[in-house]
C-alpha atoms as a PDB file:
ATOM      1  CA  UNK A   1     -61.958  -4.673  13.217  1.00  0.00           C
ATOM      2  CA  UNK A   2     -60.946  -8.201  14.228  1.00  0.00           C
ATOM      3  CA  UNK A   3     -59.799  -8.821  10.665  1.00  0.00           C
ATOM      4  CA  UNK A   4     -57.474  -5.772  10.747  1.00  0.00           C
ATOM      5  CA  UNK A   5     -56.092  -6.828  14.132  1.00  0.00           C
ATOM      6  CA  UNK A   6     -55.473 -10.350  12.809  1.00  0.00           C
ATOM      7  CA  UNK A   7     -53.661  -8.989   9.738  1.00  0.00           C
ATOM      8  CA  UNK A   8     -51.547  -6.685  11.938  1.00  0.00           C
ATOM      9  CA  UNK A   9     -50.567  -9.567  14.212  1.00  0.00           C
ATOM     10  CA  UNK A  10     -49.720 -11.741  11.212  1.00  0.00           C
ATOM     11  CA  UNK A  11     -47.495  -9.016   9.745  1.00  0.00           C
ATOM     12  CA  UNK A  12     -45.695  -8.582  13.069  1.00  0.00           C
ATOM     13  CA  UNK A  13     -45.093 -12.337  13.279  1.00  0.00           C
ATOM     14  CA  UNK A  14     -43.728 -12.403   9.726  1.00  0.00           C
ATOM     15  CA  UNK A  15     -41.343  -9.537  10.488  1.00  0.00           C
ATOM     16  CA  UNK A  16     -40.158 -11.138  13.750  1.00  0.00           C
ATOM     17  CA  UNK A  17     -39.632 -14.461  11.970  1.00  0.00           C
ATOM     18  CA  UNK A  18     -37.682 -12.773   9.158  1.00  0.00           C
ATOM     19  CA  UNK A  19     -35.387 -11.032  11.621  1.00  0.00           C
ATOM     20  CA  UNK A  20     -34.857 -14.226  13.624  1.00  0.00           C
ATOM     21  CA  UNK A  21     -33.797 -16.344  10.637  1.00  0.00           C
ATOM     22  CA  UNK A  22     -31.588 -13.676   9.142  1.00  0.00           C
ATOM     23  CA  UNK A  23     -28.972 -14.186  11.876  1.00  0.00           C
ATOM     24  CA  UNK A  24     -26.141 -11.837  12.730  1.00  0.00           C
ATOM     25  CA  UNK A  25     -25.167  -9.685   9.763  1.00  0.00           C
ATOM     26  CA  UNK A  26     -21.600  -9.559   8.513  1.00  0.00           C
ATOM     27  CA  UNK A  27     -19.595  -7.004  10.478  1.00  0.00           C
ATOM     28  CA  UNK A  28     -16.951  -4.669   9.034  1.00  0.00           C
ATOM     29  CA  UNK A  29     -16.659  -2.132  11.875  1.00  0.00           C
ATOM     30  CA  UNK A  30     -13.270  -3.389  13.105  1.00  0.00           C
ATOM     31  CA  UNK A  31     -11.753  -4.165   9.706  1.00  0.00           C
ATOM     32  CA  UNK A  32      -8.345  -2.702   8.923  1.00  0.00           C
ATOM     33  CA  UNK A  33      -8.642  -0.971   5.544  1.00  0.00           C
ATOM     34  CA  UNK A  34      -5.554  -0.461   3.379  1.00  0.00           C
ATOM     35  CA  UNK A  35      -5.243   0.718  -0.188  1.00  0.00           C
ATOM     36  CA  UNK A  36      -1.895   1.225  -1.808  1.00  0.00           C
ATOM     37  CA  UNK A  37      -1.321   4.058  -4.255  1.00  0.00           C
ATOM     38  CA  UNK A  38      -2.849   3.387  -7.620  1.00  0.00           C
ATOM     39  CA  UNK A  39      -1.866   4.371 -11.137  1.00  0.00           C
ATOM     40  CA  UNK A  40      -5.214   3.092 -12.375  1.00  0.00           C
ATOM     41  CA  UNK A  41      -7.766   4.598  -9.973  1.00  0.00           C
ATOM     42  CA  UNK A  42      -8.374   7.804  -8.060  1.00  0.00           C
ATOM     43  CA  UNK A  43      -8.536   7.473  -4.277  1.00  0.00           C
ATOM     44  CA  UNK A  44     -12.284   8.166  -4.367  1.00  0.00           C
ATOM     45  CA  UNK A  45     -12.830   5.301  -6.822  1.00  0.00           C
ATOM     46  CA  UNK A  46     -11.070   2.862  -4.512  1.00  0.00           C
ATOM     47  CA  UNK A  47     -12.976   4.221  -1.513  1.00  0.00           C
ATOM     48  CA  UNK A  48     -16.332   3.707  -3.242  1.00  0.00           C
ATOM     49  CA  UNK A  49     -15.311   0.160  -4.210  1.00  0.00           C
ATOM     50  CA  UNK A  50     -14.389  -0.485  -0.560  1.00  0.00           C
ATOM     51  CA  UNK A  51     -17.766   0.872   0.561  1.00  0.00           C
ATOM     52  CA  UNK A  52     -19.530  -1.429  -1.920  1.00  0.00           C
ATOM     53  CA  UNK A  53     -17.684  -4.497  -0.620  1.00  0.00           C
ATOM     54  CA  UNK A  54     -18.461  -3.556   2.981  1.00  0.00           C
ATOM     55  CA  UNK A  55     -22.133  -3.270   2.058  1.00  0.00           C
ATOM     56  CA  UNK A  56     -22.065  -6.649   0.298  1.00  0.00           C
ATOM     57  CA  UNK A  57     -20.301  -8.265   3.258  1.00  0.00           C
ATOM     58  CA  UNK A  58     -23.321  -7.561   5.474  1.00  0.00           C
ATOM     59  CA  UNK A  59     -24.862 -10.596   3.743  1.00  0.00           C
ATOM     60  CA  UNK A  60     -22.124 -12.828   5.167  1.00  0.00           C
ATOM     61  CA  UNK A  61     -24.101 -14.009   8.187  1.00  0.00           C
ATOM     62  CA  UNK A  62     -22.150 -14.593  11.418  1.00  0.00           C
ATOM     63  CA  UNK A  63     -18.890 -13.281   9.919  1.00  0.00           C
ATOM     64  CA  UNK A  64     -16.519 -10.484  10.923  1.00  0.00           C
ATOM     65  CA  UNK A  65     -14.201  -8.852   8.414  1.00  0.00           C
ATOM     66  CA  UNK A  66     -10.751  -8.266   9.879  1.00  0.00           C
ATOM     67  CA  UNK A  67      -8.992  -6.781   6.851  1.00  0.00           C
ATOM     68  CA  UNK A  68      -9.960  -5.242   3.498  1.00  0.00           C
ATOM     69  CA  UNK A  69      -7.256  -4.183   1.079  1.00  0.00           C
ATOM     70  CA  UNK A  70      -6.349  -3.214  -2.465  1.00  0.00           C
ATOM     71  CA  UNK A  71      -3.162  -4.434  -4.132  1.00  0.00           C
ATOM     72  CA  UNK A  72      -2.925  -3.104  -7.683  1.00  0.00           C
ATOM     73  CA  UNK A  73      -0.491  -5.719  -8.961  1.00  0.00           C
ATOM     74  CA  UNK A  74      -2.570  -8.659  -7.685  1.00  0.00           C
ATOM     75  CA  UNK A  75      -5.761  -6.947  -8.842  1.00  0.00           C
ATOM     76  CA  UNK A  76      -4.473  -6.581 -12.400  1.00  0.00           C
ATOM     77  CA  UNK A  77      -3.493 -10.259 -12.543  1.00  0.00           C
ATOM     78  CA  UNK A  78      -6.969 -11.345 -11.389  1.00  0.00           C
ATOM     79  CA  UNK A  79      -8.692  -8.997 -13.842  1.00  0.00           C
ATOM     80  CA  UNK A  80      -6.632 -10.307 -16.769  1.00  0.00           C
ATOM     81  CA  UNK A  81      -7.452 -13.866 -15.717  1.00  0.00           C
ATOM     82  CA  UNK A  82     -11.172 -13.091 -15.389  1.00  0.00           C
ATOM     83  CA  UNK A  83     -11.352 -11.360 -18.774  1.00  0.00           C
ATOM     84  CA  UNK A  84      -9.466 -14.212 -20.457  1.00  0.00           C
ATOM     85  CA  UNK A  85     -11.638 -16.916 -18.885  1.00  0.00           C
ATOM     86  CA  UNK A  86     -14.869 -15.077 -19.745  1.00  0.00           C
ATOM     87  CA  UNK A  87     -14.013 -13.605 -23.143  1.00  0.00           C
ATOM     88  CA  UNK A  88     -17.025 -15.320 -24.775  1.00  0.00           C
ATOM     89  CA  UNK A  89     -19.415 -13.665 -22.316  1.00  0.00           C
ATOM     90  CA  UNK A  90     -21.161 -10.738 -24.066  1.00  0.00           C
ATOM     91  CA  UNK A  91     -20.883  -8.432 -21.057  1.00  0.00           C
ATOM     92  CA  UNK A  92     -17.120  -9.040 -20.874  1.00  0.00           C
ATOM     93  CA  UNK A  93     -16.264  -9.232 -24.571  1.00  0.00           C
ATOM     94  CA  UNK A  94     -15.816  -5.478 -25.083  1.00  0.00           C
ATOM     95  CA  UNK A  95     -15.084  -4.612 -21.473  1.00  0.00           C
ATOM     96  CA  UNK A  96     -12.318  -2.206 -20.570  1.00  0.00           C
ATOM     97  CA  UNK A  97      -9.865  -3.360 -17.886  1.00  0.00           C
ATOM     98  CA  UNK A  98     -10.189   0.092 -16.311  1.00  0.00           C
ATOM     99  CA  UNK A  99     -13.797  -0.742 -15.403  1.00  0.00           C
ATOM    100  CA  UNK A 100     -12.704  -3.557 -13.051  1.00  0.00           C
ATOM    101  CA  UNK A 101     -11.101  -3.622  -9.626  1.00  0.00           C
ATOM    102  CA  UNK A 102     -10.289  -6.489  -7.267  1.00  0.00           C
ATOM    103  CA  UNK A 103     -10.241  -6.047  -3.513  1.00  0.00           C
ATOM    104  CA  UNK A 104      -9.226  -8.681  -0.974  1.00  0.00           C
ATOM    105  CA  UNK A 105     -10.504  -9.358   2.507  1.00  0.00           C
ATOM    106  CA  UNK A 106      -9.780 -11.542   5.495  1.00  0.00           C
ATOM    107  CA  UNK A 107     -12.627 -12.556   7.758  1.00  0.00           C
ATOM    108  CA  UNK A 108     -13.534 -14.837  10.633  1.00  0.00           C
ATOM    109  CA  UNK A 109     -16.676 -16.901  11.066  1.00  0.00           C
ATOM    110  CA  UNK A 110     -18.317 -16.886  14.500  1.00  0.00           C
ATOM    111  CA  UNK A 111     -18.260 -19.963  16.712  1.00  0.00           C
ATOM    112  CA  UNK A 112     -22.062 -20.314  16.725  1.00  0.00           C
ATOM    113  CA  UNK A 113     -23.391 -22.877  14.284  1.00  0.00           C
ATOM    114  CA  UNK A 114     -25.453 -20.609  12.030  1.00  0.00           C
ATOM    115  CA  UNK A 115     -27.022 -22.599   9.219  1.00  0.00           C
ATOM    116  CA  UNK A 116     -27.555 -19.402   7.227  1.00  0.00           C
ATOM    117  CA  UNK A 117     -23.824 -18.674   7.140  1.00  0.00           C
ATOM    118  CA  UNK A 118     -22.644 -21.278   4.671  1.00  0.00           C
ATOM    119  CA  UNK A 119     -19.233 -21.308   6.382  1.00  0.00           C
ATOM    120  CA  UNK A 120     -17.722 -23.645   8.968  1.00  0.00           C
ATOM    121  CA  UNK A 121     -18.105 -22.148  12.469  1.00  0.00           C
ATOM    122  CA  UNK A 122     -14.814 -20.816  13.826  1.00  0.00           C
ATOM    123  CA  UNK A 123     -13.108 -20.813  10.417  1.00  0.00           C
ATOM    124  CA  UNK A 124     -10.873 -18.047   9.037  1.00  0.00           C
ATOM    125  CA  UNK A 125     -10.724 -16.966   5.411  1.00  0.00           C
ATOM    126  CA  UNK A 126      -7.738 -15.117   3.968  1.00  0.00           C
ATOM    127  CA  UNK A 127      -7.477 -13.182   0.686  1.00  0.00           C
ATOM    128  CA  UNK A 128     -11.169 -13.546  -0.170  1.00  0.00           C
ATOM    129  CA  UNK A 129     -11.379 -11.925  -3.602  1.00  0.00           C
ATOM    130  CA  UNK A 130     -14.019  -9.356  -4.556  1.00  0.00           C
ATOM    131  CA  UNK A 131     -14.188  -8.592  -8.283  1.00  0.00           C
ATOM    132  CA  UNK A 132     -16.124  -5.415  -9.022  1.00  0.00           C
ATOM    133  CA  UNK A 133     -17.128  -3.788 -12.295  1.00  0.00           C
ATOM    134  CA  UNK A 134     -18.014  -0.147 -12.737  1.00  0.00           C
ATOM    135  CA  UNK A 135     -21.420   0.425 -14.279  1.00  0.00           C
ATOM    136  CA  UNK A 136     -20.947   2.468 -17.465  1.00  0.00           C
ATOM    137  CA  UNK A 137     -24.009   4.652 -16.966  1.00  0.00           C
ATOM    138  CA  UNK A 138     -24.111   5.283 -13.199  1.00  0.00           C
ATOM    139  CA  UNK A 139     -20.363   4.814 -12.637  1.00  0.00           C
ATOM    140  CA  UNK A 140     -21.138   2.743  -9.527  1.00  0.00           C
ATOM    141  CA  UNK A 141     -19.240  -0.396  -8.522  1.00  0.00           C
ATOM    142  CA  UNK A 142     -21.128  -3.696  -8.605  1.00  0.00           C
ATOM    143  CA  UNK A 143     -19.778  -6.980  -7.255  1.00  0.00           C
ATOM    144  CA  UNK A 144     -19.356  -9.421 -10.153  1.00  0.00           C
ATOM    145  CA  UNK A 145     -18.059 -12.315  -8.060  1.00  0.00           C
ATOM    146  CA  UNK A 146     -16.477 -13.049  -4.708  1.00  0.00           C
ATOM    147  CA  UNK A 147     -14.473 -16.125  -3.813  1.00  0.00           C
ATOM    148  CA  UNK A 148     -11.205 -17.440  -2.445  1.00  0.00           C
END
């Protein structure tokens, strides 16, 4: 009985510790979302890509997204650049440009010094790029890379 109680207490402590070090999750609730008309994607495809980025952003500790947008012209330029730079990569070699989309976001980092964030407290980031690739089998968007 004491052993089970000890294990239960240990598990509770581990969970509490995990929550405490995880910090404040990235917030997207107040982000302004814009997506211009696309010749390349259906509205639902862009919306699912946006949802994927918002989900990924939750890992940006102590950050708040202020804007998330799709610009087809800029997206196409970034995709061409990515495919050119990575043409030797097997997963990119035979890739179709239609399987890629680039979204951009602006976000702010909270003032608190959160060591889990990786960003300078109080900083702002504009046009953070999110490159996504559609999985051929499931047709779901996956984030390939994100950066300025």
